[in-house]
Amino acid sequence: MYQSWYNMKMTEKWLPVIGYESTYEVSNYGQVRRSSGGQGCRAGRILTPAIDNLGYARIHLHQHGISRTLKLHRIVAAAFVSNPNNYPEINHKDGVKANNKATNLEWTTRSKNIQHAFDTGLKFPSRSNVKLTDDKVLQIRKLRRDGLTLRALADLFNVGETTISHVVHYHYWTHLP
């Protein structure tokens, strides 16, 4: 049987914001509104989030003279997403930080959250900052045995003295002789 788009549309539900139960409500669509008027604000007004430098939506909440800024996805997840394992982080399933709908959020561990970012292509393993190759490491170790100083080797290979020290003391590239 055919269902129209309208009938399949998710219904917006509102719950109190945890810790701000008498002042604010959050929806499963990822919106926050005032639940009561006060200090020049009218009840029912939807708050506009600010976007931080990492791309997350943040909301300023005020209660009893105290102002706090909270991440919107954490407010939504705390109200609508169960966390039976008491995981500390929230993952945006589709990888879009602006999509703060409850259906797009899940509680997770740090390692699973990072793995999800790699799996979905949001994060790439970086090896672009690696300046030394296996051949260069072998060369550094030989030159050090021949008496070159750490500073001279660092200048020669365009890396820091600490890196050279780690190489010659086998803290890095331990798989090489």
N, C-alpha and C. Protein backbone atom coordinates (compact mmCIF):
# COMPACT_ATOMS: atom_id res chain seq x y z
N MET A 1 0.84 -1.18 0.00
CA MET A 1 0.00 0.00 0.00
C MET A 1 0.88 1.24 0.00
N TYR A 2 0.53 2.25 -0.75
CA TYR A 2 1.30 3.47 -0.90
C TYR A 2 1.05 4.41 0.27
N GLN A 3 2.17 4.91 0.85
CA GLN A 3 2.06 5.93 1.87
C GLN A 3 2.64 7.22 1.33
N SER A 4 1.96 8.30 1.56
CA SER A 4 2.47 9.58 1.08
C SER A 4 3.65 10.01 1.94
N TRP A 5 4.46 10.92 1.40
CA TRP A 5 5.61 11.45 2.12
C TRP A 5 5.16 12.08 3.42
N TYR A 6 4.04 12.76 3.40
CA TYR A 6 3.53 13.43 4.59
C TYR A 6 3.28 12.43 5.71
N ASN A 7 2.71 11.27 5.39
CA ASN A 7 2.41 10.27 6.42
C ASN A 7 3.68 9.63 6.97
N MET A 8 4.74 9.58 6.16
CA MET A 8 5.99 8.97 6.60
C MET A 8 6.86 9.94 7.38
N LYS A 9 6.53 11.22 7.35
CA LYS A 9 7.33 12.24 8.00
C LYS A 9 7.34 12.02 9.51
N MET A 10 8.53 12.15 10.10
CA MET A 10 8.70 11.98 11.53
C MET A 10 8.00 13.13 12.27
N THR A 11 7.36 12.82 13.36
CA THR A 11 6.69 13.82 14.17
C THR A 11 7.68 14.46 15.13
N GLU A 12 7.66 15.78 15.18
CA GLU A 12 8.56 16.47 16.10
C GLU A 12 8.04 16.34 17.52
N LYS A 13 8.93 15.93 18.41
CA LYS A 13 8.59 15.75 19.83
C LYS A 13 9.50 16.66 20.64
N TRP A 14 8.97 17.18 21.73
CA TRP A 14 9.73 18.07 22.60
C TRP A 14 9.84 17.48 23.99
N LEU A 15 11.05 17.54 24.55
CA LEU A 15 11.31 17.10 25.92
C LEU A 15 12.11 18.19 26.64
N PRO A 16 12.05 18.22 27.97
CA PRO A 16 12.85 19.21 28.70
C PRO A 16 14.35 18.95 28.50
N VAL A 17 15.13 20.03 28.45
CA VAL A 17 16.58 19.93 28.39
C VAL A 17 17.06 19.52 29.78
N ILE A 18 17.84 18.45 29.84
CA ILE A 18 18.32 17.94 31.12
C ILE A 18 19.20 19.00 31.79
N GLY A 19 18.83 19.31 33.04
CA GLY A 19 19.52 20.34 33.79
C GLY A 19 18.88 21.72 33.66
N TYR A 20 17.98 21.86 32.68
CA TYR A 20 17.29 23.13 32.42
C TYR A 20 15.79 22.85 32.23
N GLU A 21 15.26 21.90 32.97
CA GLU A 21 13.92 21.40 32.76
C GLU A 21 12.83 22.47 32.82
N SER A 22 13.00 23.47 33.68
CA SER A 22 11.96 24.48 33.83
C SER A 22 12.08 25.63 32.84
N THR A 23 13.16 25.63 32.03
CA THR A 23 13.42 26.78 31.18
C THR A 23 13.46 26.46 29.69
N TYR A 24 13.99 25.28 29.32
CA TYR A 24 14.19 24.97 27.90
C TYR A 24 13.67 23.58 27.54
N GLU A 25 13.33 23.45 26.25
CA GLU A 25 12.94 22.16 25.69
C GLU A 25 13.77 21.90 24.44
N VAL A 26 14.00 20.61 24.16
CA VAL A 26 14.74 20.20 22.97
C VAL A 26 13.85 19.28 22.16
N SER A 27 13.99 19.34 20.83
CA SER A 27 13.18 18.47 19.98
C SER A 27 14.05 17.38 19.36
N ASN A 28 13.37 16.31 18.94
CA ASN A 28 14.07 15.23 18.25
C ASN A 28 14.56 15.67 16.87
N TYR A 29 14.16 16.85 16.41
CA TYR A 29 14.66 17.43 15.16
C TYR A 29 15.94 18.24 15.36
N GLY A 30 16.37 18.38 16.62
CA GLY A 30 17.59 19.11 16.91
C GLY A 30 17.40 20.59 17.10
N GLN A 31 16.27 20.98 17.67
CA GLN A 31 16.00 22.38 17.96
C GLN A 31 15.83 22.57 19.46
N VAL A 32 16.13 23.78 19.94
CA VAL A 32 15.94 24.11 21.34
C VAL A 32 15.06 25.35 21.40
N ARG A 33 14.12 25.34 22.34
CA ARG A 33 13.24 26.50 22.53
C ARG A 33 13.07 26.79 24.01
N ARG A 34 12.67 28.01 24.29
CA ARG A 34 12.34 28.38 25.66
C ARG A 34 11.00 27.74 26.01
N SER A 35 10.93 27.13 27.18
CA SER A 35 9.66 26.56 27.62
C SER A 35 8.92 27.52 28.53
N SER A 36 9.62 28.51 29.06
CA SER A 36 8.97 29.53 29.88
C SER A 36 9.62 30.87 29.57
N GLY A 37 8.84 31.92 29.71
CA GLY A 37 9.38 33.25 29.48
C GLY A 37 10.25 33.68 30.64
N GLY A 38 10.99 34.71 30.44
CA GLY A 38 11.83 35.23 31.52
C GLY A 38 12.94 36.07 30.96
N GLN A 39 13.27 37.12 31.66
CA GLN A 39 14.35 38.03 31.28
C GLN A 39 14.23 38.47 29.82
N GLY A 40 13.06 38.92 29.43
CA GLY A 40 12.86 39.47 28.10
C GLY A 40 12.69 38.45 26.99
N CYS A 41 12.63 37.17 27.33
CA CYS A 41 12.47 36.13 26.31
C CYS A 41 11.07 35.54 26.39
N ARG A 42 10.49 35.30 25.25
CA ARG A 42 9.14 34.74 25.24
C ARG A 42 9.20 33.21 25.13
N ALA A 43 8.25 32.56 25.77
CA ALA A 43 8.17 31.10 25.73
C ALA A 43 7.89 30.65 24.29
N GLY A 44 8.46 29.50 23.93
CA GLY A 44 8.24 28.93 22.60
C GLY A 44 9.20 29.41 21.55
N ARG A 45 10.03 30.40 21.86
CA ARG A 45 10.98 30.94 20.88
C ARG A 45 12.09 29.92 20.61
N ILE A 46 12.29 29.58 19.33
CA ILE A 46 13.35 28.66 18.92
C ILE A 46 14.68 29.42 18.96
N LEU A 47 15.67 28.84 19.60
CA LEU A 47 16.98 29.47 19.71
C LEU A 47 17.81 29.17 18.46
N THR A 48 18.61 30.12 18.06
CA THR A 48 19.49 29.94 16.90
C THR A 48 20.86 29.52 17.40
N PRO A 49 21.33 28.37 16.96
CA PRO A 49 22.66 27.93 17.42
C PRO A 49 23.78 28.70 16.73
N ALA A 50 24.92 28.77 17.42
CA ALA A 50 26.14 29.30 16.83
C ALA A 50 26.98 28.10 16.41
N ILE A 51 27.76 28.24 15.37
CA ILE A 51 28.62 27.16 14.89
C ILE A 51 30.04 27.44 15.38
N ASP A 52 30.63 26.47 16.07
CA ASP A 52 31.99 26.68 16.58
C ASP A 52 33.02 26.39 15.50
N ASN A 53 34.30 26.56 15.82
CA ASN A 53 35.36 26.41 14.82
C ASN A 53 35.56 24.98 14.36
N LEU A 54 34.94 24.00 15.03
CA LEU A 54 35.00 22.62 14.58
C LEU A 54 33.75 22.20 13.81
N GLY A 55 32.81 23.12 13.65
CA GLY A 55 31.60 22.85 12.88
C GLY A 55 30.41 22.35 13.69
N TYR A 56 30.52 22.34 15.01
CA TYR A 56 29.43 21.88 15.86
C TYR A 56 28.51 23.03 16.24
N ALA A 57 27.19 22.76 16.27
CA ALA A 57 26.22 23.76 16.69
C ALA A 57 26.24 23.84 18.22
N ARG A 58 26.26 25.07 18.72
CA ARG A 58 26.26 25.30 20.16
C ARG A 58 25.11 26.24 20.52
N ILE A 59 24.57 26.04 21.71
CA ILE A 59 23.44 26.83 22.20
C ILE A 59 23.81 27.45 23.53
N HIS A 60 23.47 28.74 23.71
CA HIS A 60 23.66 29.42 25.00
C HIS A 60 22.39 29.23 25.82
N LEU A 61 22.54 28.68 27.01
CA LEU A 61 21.41 28.50 27.92
C LEU A 61 21.65 29.32 29.19
N HIS A 62 20.58 29.91 29.69
CA HIS A 62 20.66 30.75 30.89
C HIS A 62 19.66 30.24 31.91
N GLN A 63 20.12 30.16 33.15
CA GLN A 63 19.21 29.73 34.23
C GLN A 63 19.79 30.20 35.56
N HIS A 64 18.96 30.85 36.36
CA HIS A 64 19.35 31.31 37.70
C HIS A 64 20.59 32.20 37.63
N GLY A 65 20.68 33.05 36.62
CA GLY A 65 21.80 33.97 36.49
C GLY A 65 23.09 33.35 35.98
N ILE A 66 23.05 32.08 35.61
CA ILE A 66 24.23 31.38 35.12
C ILE A 66 24.04 31.08 33.64
N SER A 67 25.07 31.39 32.84
CA SER A 67 25.01 31.15 31.40
C SER A 67 26.02 30.06 31.04
N ARG A 68 25.57 29.12 30.22
CA ARG A 68 26.46 28.05 29.73
C ARG A 68 26.24 27.85 28.25
N THR A 69 27.29 27.43 27.57
CA THR A 69 27.20 27.10 26.15
C THR A 69 27.38 25.59 26.02
N LEU A 70 26.41 24.93 25.40
CA LEU A 70 26.42 23.48 25.26
C LEU A 70 26.34 23.09 23.79
N LYS A 71 26.93 21.96 23.45
CA LYS A 71 26.83 21.44 22.09
C LYS A 71 25.43 20.89 21.88
N LEU A 72 24.82 21.27 20.77
CA LEU A 72 23.44 20.88 20.48
C LEU A 72 23.28 19.38 20.38
N HIS A 73 24.22 18.68 19.74
CA HIS A 73 24.06 17.23 19.59
C HIS A 73 24.07 16.52 20.94
N ARG A 74 24.78 17.07 21.93
CA ARG A 74 24.79 16.47 23.25
C ARG A 74 23.45 16.67 23.96
N ILE A 75 22.84 17.84 23.76
CA ILE A 75 21.53 18.12 24.36
C ILE A 75 20.49 17.17 23.78
N VAL A 76 20.50 17.01 22.45
CA VAL A 76 19.53 16.13 21.78
C VAL A 76 19.74 14.68 22.22
N ALA A 77 20.97 14.22 22.19
CA ALA A 77 21.25 12.83 22.55
C ALA A 77 20.88 12.54 24.01
N ALA A 78 21.17 13.47 24.90
CA ALA A 78 20.84 13.26 26.31
C ALA A 78 19.34 13.08 26.51
N ALA A 79 18.55 13.77 25.70
CA ALA A 79 17.09 13.69 25.84
C ALA A 79 16.46 12.53 25.09
N PHE A 80 17.00 12.16 23.92
CA PHE A 80 16.29 11.23 23.04
C PHE A 80 17.01 9.91 22.74
N VAL A 81 18.32 9.83 22.98
CA VAL A 81 19.06 8.64 22.58
C VAL A 81 19.49 7.87 23.82
N SER A 82 19.07 6.62 23.90
CA SER A 82 19.43 5.83 25.07
C SER A 82 20.92 5.51 25.06
N ASN A 83 21.48 5.39 26.25
CA ASN A 83 22.91 5.15 26.40
C ASN A 83 23.11 4.05 27.45
N PRO A 84 22.68 2.82 27.14
CA PRO A 84 22.74 1.75 28.14
C PRO A 84 24.16 1.37 28.56
N ASN A 85 25.14 1.62 27.69
CA ASN A 85 26.54 1.29 28.02
C ASN A 85 27.29 2.45 28.64
N ASN A 86 26.59 3.58 28.83
CA ASN A 86 27.19 4.77 29.43
C ASN A 86 28.42 5.25 28.64
N TYR A 87 28.30 5.24 27.31
CA TYR A 87 29.38 5.71 26.45
C TYR A 87 29.51 7.23 26.59
N PRO A 88 30.73 7.76 26.44
CA PRO A 88 30.96 9.19 26.68
C PRO A 88 30.77 10.10 25.46
N GLU A 89 30.85 9.56 24.25
CA GLU A 89 30.83 10.40 23.05
C GLU A 89 29.59 10.14 22.19
N ILE A 90 29.32 11.10 21.33
CA ILE A 90 28.19 10.99 20.42
C ILE A 90 28.71 11.04 18.99
N ASN A 91 28.21 10.13 18.19
CA ASN A 91 28.59 10.04 16.78
C ASN A 91 27.43 10.53 15.92
N HIS A 92 27.75 11.35 14.91
CA HIS A 92 26.77 11.69 13.88
C HIS A 92 26.86 10.58 12.83
N LYS A 93 25.85 9.75 12.75
CA LYS A 93 25.89 8.57 11.88
C LYS A 93 26.21 8.91 10.43
N ASP A 94 25.65 10.01 9.92
CA ASP A 94 25.88 10.37 8.52
C ASP A 94 27.13 11.23 8.35
N GLY A 95 27.80 11.55 9.45
CA GLY A 95 29.02 12.34 9.40
C GLY A 95 28.81 13.83 9.25
N VAL A 96 27.56 14.27 9.22
CA VAL A 96 27.25 15.69 9.04
C VAL A 96 27.00 16.31 10.41
N LYS A 97 27.90 17.17 10.85
CA LYS A 97 27.81 17.76 12.18
C LYS A 97 26.59 18.67 12.35
N ALA A 98 26.06 19.18 11.25
CA ALA A 98 24.90 20.05 11.31
C ALA A 98 23.59 19.26 11.44
N ASN A 99 23.63 17.95 11.20
CA ASN A 99 22.43 17.12 11.29
C ASN A 99 22.31 16.59 12.72
N ASN A 100 21.58 17.34 13.55
CA ASN A 100 21.45 17.00 14.96
C ASN A 100 20.12 16.35 15.30
N LYS A 101 19.50 15.71 14.31
CA LYS A 101 18.27 14.97 14.57
C LYS A 101 18.61 13.75 15.43
N ALA A 102 17.72 13.38 16.31
CA ALA A 102 17.95 12.26 17.22
C ALA A 102 18.23 10.97 16.46
N THR A 103 17.59 10.78 15.31
CA THR A 103 17.80 9.55 14.54
C THR A 103 19.19 9.47 13.93
N ASN A 104 19.92 10.59 13.89
CA ASN A 104 21.26 10.62 13.32
C ASN A 104 22.36 10.50 14.39
N LEU A 105 21.97 10.42 15.64
CA LEU A 105 22.95 10.41 16.73
C LEU A 105 22.99 9.06 17.43
N GLU A 106 24.19 8.70 17.90
CA GLU A 106 24.36 7.49 18.69
C GLU A 106 25.49 7.69 19.68
N TRP A 107 25.34 7.11 20.86
CA TRP A 107 26.40 7.15 21.86
C TRP A 107 27.46 6.12 21.48
N THR A 108 28.73 6.47 21.71
CA THR A 108 29.82 5.59 21.31
C THR A 108 31.06 5.86 22.15
N THR A 109 32.08 5.06 21.92
CA THR A 109 33.37 5.26 22.56
C THR A 109 34.23 6.16 21.69
N ARG A 110 35.30 6.67 22.23
CA ARG A 110 36.23 7.52 21.47
C ARG A 110 36.82 6.75 20.29
N SER A 111 37.27 5.52 20.54
CA SER A 111 37.90 4.76 19.47
C SER A 111 36.90 4.42 18.36
N LYS A 112 35.68 4.08 18.72
CA LYS A 112 34.67 3.79 17.68
C LYS A 112 34.30 5.04 16.90
N ASN A 113 34.28 6.18 17.57
CA ASN A 113 33.97 7.44 16.90
C ASN A 113 35.06 7.78 15.89
N ILE A 114 36.30 7.61 16.26
CA ILE A 114 37.42 7.86 15.35
C ILE A 114 37.40 6.87 14.19
N GLN A 115 37.15 5.61 14.51
CA GLN A 115 37.08 4.59 13.45
C GLN A 115 35.98 4.91 12.45
N HIS A 116 34.84 5.39 12.93
CA HIS A 116 33.74 5.77 12.05
C HIS A 116 34.18 6.90 11.12
N ALA A 117 34.94 7.85 11.64
CA ALA A 117 35.43 8.96 10.81
C ALA A 117 36.34 8.45 9.69
N PHE A 118 37.19 7.47 9.99
CA PHE A 118 38.06 6.89 8.95
C PHE A 118 37.23 6.06 7.97
N ASP A 119 36.30 5.26 8.49
CA ASP A 119 35.49 4.38 7.63
C ASP A 119 34.63 5.16 6.64
N THR A 120 34.15 6.33 7.05
CA THR A 120 33.26 7.12 6.19
C THR A 120 34.01 8.15 5.36
N GLY A 121 35.34 8.19 5.51
CA GLY A 121 36.13 9.13 4.72
C GLY A 121 36.15 10.55 5.26
N LEU A 122 35.67 10.74 6.49
CA LEU A 122 35.71 12.07 7.10
C LEU A 122 37.10 12.41 7.59
N LYS A 123 37.89 11.38 7.86
CA LYS A 123 39.25 11.56 8.35
C LYS A 123 40.15 10.60 7.58
N PHE A 124 41.33 11.07 7.23
CA PHE A 124 42.27 10.25 6.48
C PHE A 124 43.54 10.06 7.29
N PRO A 125 44.12 8.86 7.22
CA PRO A 125 45.41 8.68 7.90
C PRO A 125 46.45 9.60 7.25
N SER A 126 47.18 10.29 8.08
CA SER A 126 48.14 11.25 7.56
C SER A 126 49.56 10.72 7.67
N ARG A 127 50.21 10.63 6.53
CA ARG A 127 51.63 10.30 6.52
C ARG A 127 52.40 11.39 5.77
N SER A 128 51.70 12.48 5.46
CA SER A 128 52.33 13.53 4.68
C SER A 128 53.43 14.25 5.46
N ASN A 129 53.37 14.19 6.80
CA ASN A 129 54.37 14.88 7.59
C ASN A 129 55.60 14.00 7.86
N VAL A 130 55.63 12.78 7.35
CA VAL A 130 56.77 11.89 7.53
C VAL A 130 57.82 12.27 6.50
N LYS A 131 58.97 12.72 6.99
CA LYS A 131 60.03 13.18 6.10
C LYS A 131 61.08 12.11 5.84
N LEU A 132 61.14 11.11 6.70
CA LEU A 132 62.18 10.10 6.59
C LEU A 132 61.64 8.81 5.99
N THR A 133 62.45 8.21 5.16
CA THR A 133 62.14 6.90 4.58
C THR A 133 63.02 5.86 5.27
N ASP A 134 62.76 4.59 5.00
CA ASP A 134 63.60 3.53 5.55
C ASP A 134 65.06 3.72 5.15
N ASP A 135 65.29 4.08 3.89
CA ASP A 135 66.66 4.28 3.41
C ASP A 135 67.35 5.42 4.14
N LYS A 136 66.61 6.52 4.37
CA LYS A 136 67.19 7.65 5.09
C LYS A 136 67.51 7.28 6.54
N VAL A 137 66.65 6.49 7.16
CA VAL A 137 66.88 6.07 8.54
C VAL A 137 68.17 5.24 8.62
N LEU A 138 68.35 4.31 7.70
CA LEU A 138 69.58 3.50 7.68
C LEU A 138 70.80 4.40 7.48
N GLN A 139 70.65 5.39 6.63
CA GLN A 139 71.74 6.33 6.37
C GLN A 139 72.06 7.14 7.63
N ILE A 140 71.03 7.61 8.33
CA ILE A 140 71.23 8.37 9.57
C ILE A 140 71.98 7.54 10.60
N ARG A 141 71.58 6.30 10.77
CA ARG A 141 72.23 5.44 11.76
C ARG A 141 73.70 5.19 11.40
N LYS A 142 73.97 5.03 10.13
CA LYS A 142 75.36 4.82 9.70
C LYS A 142 76.20 6.07 9.94
N LEU A 143 75.66 7.24 9.54
CA LEU A 143 76.38 8.50 9.72
C LEU A 143 76.61 8.82 11.20
N ARG A 144 75.67 8.47 12.04
CA ARG A 144 75.83 8.68 13.48
C ARG A 144 76.96 7.80 14.01
N ARG A 145 77.00 6.55 13.57
CA ARG A 145 78.09 5.65 13.99
C ARG A 145 79.44 6.19 13.50
N ASP A 146 79.42 6.89 12.37
CA ASP A 146 80.64 7.48 11.82
C ASP A 146 81.04 8.77 12.53
N GLY A 147 80.19 9.23 13.47
CA GLY A 147 80.58 10.38 14.29
C GLY A 147 79.85 11.68 14.05
N LEU A 148 78.90 11.75 13.13
CA LEU A 148 78.17 13.00 12.92
C LEU A 148 77.31 13.30 14.15
N THR A 149 77.20 14.57 14.49
CA THR A 149 76.41 14.98 15.66
C THR A 149 74.91 14.93 15.32
N LEU A 150 74.09 14.92 16.37
CA LEU A 150 72.64 14.96 16.17
C LEU A 150 72.24 16.22 15.41
N ARG A 151 72.86 17.36 15.78
CA ARG A 151 72.54 18.62 15.11
C ARG A 151 72.88 18.57 13.63
N ALA A 152 74.04 18.05 13.30
CA ALA A 152 74.45 17.96 11.90
C ALA A 152 73.50 17.05 11.11
N LEU A 153 73.11 15.93 11.72
CA LEU A 153 72.17 15.02 11.05
C LEU A 153 70.80 15.67 10.89
N ALA A 154 70.36 16.39 11.89
CA ALA A 154 69.06 17.08 11.82
C ALA A 154 69.07 18.10 10.68
N ASP A 155 70.15 18.85 10.57
CA ASP A 155 70.25 19.83 9.48
C ASP A 155 70.31 19.15 8.12
N LEU A 156 71.04 18.06 8.05
CA LEU A 156 71.21 17.34 6.79
C LEU A 156 69.90 16.75 6.28
N PHE A 157 69.07 16.24 7.20
CA PHE A 157 67.82 15.57 6.80
C PHE A 157 66.57 16.42 7.03
N ASN A 158 66.79 17.67 7.44
CA ASN A 158 65.69 18.63 7.61
C ASN A 158 64.62 18.16 8.60
N VAL A 159 65.08 17.65 9.73
CA VAL A 159 64.20 17.24 10.83
C VAL A 159 64.80 17.75 12.13
N GLY A 160 64.07 17.60 13.22
CA GLY A 160 64.56 18.06 14.51
C GLY A 160 65.56 17.09 15.12
N GLU A 161 66.34 17.61 16.06
CA GLU A 161 67.31 16.77 16.77
C GLU A 161 66.62 15.65 17.54
N THR A 162 65.44 15.94 18.07
CA THR A 162 64.70 14.92 18.81
C THR A 162 64.35 13.75 17.91
N THR A 163 63.95 14.03 16.69
CA THR A 163 63.64 12.97 15.73
C THR A 163 64.87 12.12 15.46
N ILE A 164 66.00 12.78 15.25
CA ILE A 164 67.25 12.06 15.00
C ILE A 164 67.60 11.19 16.21
N SER A 165 67.44 11.73 17.40
CA SER A 165 67.72 10.97 18.62
C SER A 165 66.85 9.72 18.70
N HIS A 166 65.57 9.88 18.40
CA HIS A 166 64.66 8.73 18.42
C HIS A 166 65.05 7.68 17.38
N VAL A 167 65.52 8.14 16.23
CA VAL A 167 65.94 7.21 15.18
C VAL A 167 67.17 6.43 15.61
N VAL A 168 68.20 7.14 16.10
CA VAL A 168 69.45 6.45 16.43
C VAL A 168 69.35 5.60 17.70
N HIS A 169 68.38 5.89 18.55
CA HIS A 169 68.17 5.08 19.76
C HIS A 169 67.06 4.04 19.57
N TYR A 170 66.63 3.87 18.32
CA TYR A 170 65.65 2.83 17.95
C TYR A 170 64.28 2.99 18.62
N HIS A 171 63.90 4.24 18.89
CA HIS A 171 62.54 4.50 19.36
C HIS A 171 61.58 4.56 18.17
N TYR A 172 62.08 5.00 17.03
CA TYR A 172 61.34 5.03 15.78
C TYR A 172 62.00 4.06 14.81
N TRP A 173 61.23 3.56 13.86
CA TRP A 173 61.73 2.63 12.84
C TRP A 173 62.44 1.43 13.49
N THR A 174 61.77 0.87 14.47
CA THR A 174 62.37 -0.25 15.22
C THR A 174 62.51 -1.50 14.38
N HIS A 175 61.81 -1.56 13.26
CA HIS A 175 61.88 -2.73 12.39
C HIS A 175 63.16 -2.77 11.56
N LEU A 176 63.93 -1.67 11.57
CA LEU A 176 65.16 -1.60 10.77
C LEU A 176 66.39 -1.90 11.66
N PRO A 177 67.43 -2.48 11.03
CA PRO A 177 68.65 -2.79 11.82
C PRO A 177 69.41 -1.54 12.21
